[in-house]
Amino acid sequence: MTFRLFVGLLVATSLCLPLAACGKKGPNQAPGPQNKITYPRIYPPE
């Protein structure tokens, strides 16, 4: 029972870790081209 639980957690971890890396890289920026942004703002990092 303990071995099956360990293997299940290992499989779940190995499947979920690549999904945790899926995200936007770099600082937050306003959407759109830089020359069309009327009111530039500094977005807080999250």
N, C-alpha and C. Protein backbone atom coordinates (compact mmCIF):
# COMPACT_ATOMS: atom_id res chain seq x y z
N MET A 1 0.83 -1.20 0.00
CA MET A 1 0.00 0.00 0.00
C MET A 1 0.88 1.27 0.00
N THR A 2 1.89 1.30 0.81
CA THR A 2 2.76 2.46 0.89
C THR A 2 3.53 2.65 -0.41
N PHE A 3 3.98 1.54 -1.02
CA PHE A 3 4.70 1.63 -2.27
C PHE A 3 3.80 2.18 -3.38
N ARG A 4 2.55 1.74 -3.43
CA ARG A 4 1.61 2.23 -4.44
C ARG A 4 1.33 3.72 -4.25
N LEU A 5 1.23 4.15 -3.02
CA LEU A 5 1.01 5.57 -2.73
C LEU A 5 2.22 6.39 -3.16
N PHE A 6 3.41 5.90 -2.86
CA PHE A 6 4.63 6.59 -3.26
C PHE A 6 4.73 6.70 -4.78
N VAL A 7 4.44 5.62 -5.48
CA VAL A 7 4.50 5.63 -6.94
C VAL A 7 3.45 6.58 -7.50
N GLY A 8 2.26 6.59 -6.92
CA GLY A 8 1.20 7.50 -7.37
C GLY A 8 1.58 8.96 -7.19
N LEU A 9 2.18 9.27 -6.05
CA LEU A 9 2.63 10.65 -5.82
C LEU A 9 3.77 11.02 -6.75
N LEU A 10 4.65 10.07 -7.03
CA LEU A 10 5.75 10.33 -7.94
C LEU A 10 5.24 10.60 -9.35
N VAL A 11 4.26 9.83 -9.80
CA VAL A 11 3.69 10.04 -11.13
C VAL A 11 2.94 11.37 -11.19
N ALA A 12 2.17 11.68 -10.17
CA ALA A 12 1.43 12.94 -10.15
C ALA A 12 2.38 14.14 -10.14
N THR A 13 3.45 14.04 -9.39
CA THR A 13 4.42 15.13 -9.34
C THR A 13 5.12 15.29 -10.68
N SER A 14 5.49 14.17 -11.29
CA SER A 14 6.20 14.27 -12.57
C SER A 14 5.29 14.78 -13.68
N LEU A 15 3.99 14.63 -13.56
CA LEU A 15 3.07 15.17 -14.56
C LEU A 15 2.73 16.63 -14.31
N CYS A 16 2.73 17.05 -13.05
CA CYS A 16 2.32 18.42 -12.72
C CYS A 16 3.46 19.43 -12.78
N LEU A 17 4.68 19.01 -12.55
CA LEU A 17 5.80 19.96 -12.55
C LEU A 17 6.01 20.64 -13.90
N PRO A 18 5.92 19.95 -15.03
CA PRO A 18 6.07 20.67 -16.30
C PRO A 18 4.97 21.71 -16.52
N LEU A 19 3.79 21.46 -16.00
CA LEU A 19 2.71 22.44 -16.16
C LEU A 19 2.96 23.68 -15.31
N ALA A 20 3.66 23.53 -14.21
CA ALA A 20 3.96 24.68 -13.36
C ALA A 20 4.95 25.62 -14.04
N ALA A 21 5.70 25.12 -14.97
CA ALA A 21 6.67 25.95 -15.68
C ALA A 21 6.04 26.71 -16.83
N CYS A 22 4.79 26.41 -17.17
CA CYS A 22 4.13 27.11 -18.27
C CYS A 22 3.64 28.46 -17.77
N GLY A 23 4.30 29.50 -18.15
CA GLY A 23 3.91 30.83 -17.74
C GLY A 23 4.66 31.85 -18.56
N LYS A 24 4.21 33.06 -18.48
CA LYS A 24 4.86 34.12 -19.22
C LYS A 24 6.18 34.48 -18.55
N LYS A 25 7.20 34.60 -19.34
CA LYS A 25 8.50 34.95 -18.81
C LYS A 25 8.73 36.45 -19.00
N GLY A 26 9.42 37.03 -18.05
CA GLY A 26 9.72 38.45 -18.15
C GLY A 26 8.75 39.29 -17.34
N PRO A 27 8.96 40.59 -17.29
CA PRO A 27 8.09 41.47 -16.51
C PRO A 27 6.73 41.66 -17.17
N ASN A 28 5.76 42.04 -16.36
CA ASN A 28 4.42 42.31 -16.88
C ASN A 28 4.44 43.56 -17.74
N GLN A 29 3.72 43.51 -18.86
CA GLN A 29 3.63 44.65 -19.76
C GLN A 29 2.18 44.86 -20.18
N ALA A 30 1.86 46.08 -20.50
CA ALA A 30 0.53 46.37 -21.00
C ALA A 30 0.35 45.73 -22.37
N PRO A 31 -0.87 45.25 -22.68
CA PRO A 31 -1.08 44.62 -23.98
C PRO A 31 -1.03 45.63 -25.12
N GLY A 32 -0.62 45.18 -26.27
CA GLY A 32 -0.58 46.02 -27.45
C GLY A 32 0.81 46.50 -27.78
N PRO A 33 0.95 47.12 -28.94
CA PRO A 33 2.25 47.64 -29.32
C PRO A 33 2.66 48.82 -28.44
N GLN A 34 3.95 48.97 -28.24
CA GLN A 34 4.45 50.00 -27.33
C GLN A 34 4.10 51.41 -27.79
N ASN A 35 4.04 51.66 -29.08
CA ASN A 35 3.75 53.01 -29.55
C ASN A 35 2.26 53.36 -29.47
N LYS A 36 1.39 52.41 -29.18
CA LYS A 36 -0.06 52.67 -29.08
C LYS A 36 -0.56 52.75 -27.65
N ILE A 37 0.30 52.58 -26.66
CA ILE A 37 -0.12 52.62 -25.26
C ILE A 37 -0.25 54.08 -24.83
N THR A 38 -1.48 54.49 -24.52
CA THR A 38 -1.76 55.88 -24.18
C THR A 38 -1.37 56.20 -22.74
N TYR A 39 -1.74 55.33 -21.84
CA TYR A 39 -1.47 55.56 -20.42
C TYR A 39 -0.60 54.43 -19.88
N PRO A 40 0.71 54.57 -19.97
CA PRO A 40 1.57 53.49 -19.46
C PRO A 40 1.48 53.42 -17.93
N ARG A 41 1.46 52.22 -17.44
CA ARG A 41 1.39 51.99 -15.98
C ARG A 41 2.43 50.95 -15.62
N ILE A 42 2.83 50.97 -14.35
CA ILE A 42 3.72 49.95 -13.84
C ILE A 42 2.84 48.91 -13.15
N TYR A 43 2.93 47.68 -13.62
CA TYR A 43 2.13 46.60 -13.05
C TYR A 43 2.90 45.94 -11.92
N PRO A 44 2.22 45.63 -10.82
CA PRO A 44 2.93 44.98 -9.70
C PRO A 44 3.26 43.54 -10.05
N PRO A 45 4.41 43.07 -9.64
CA PRO A 45 4.75 41.67 -9.89
C PRO A 45 3.88 40.74 -9.04
N GLU A 46 3.46 39.65 -9.59
CA GLU A 46 2.62 38.70 -8.84
C GLU A 46 3.27 37.37 -8.80
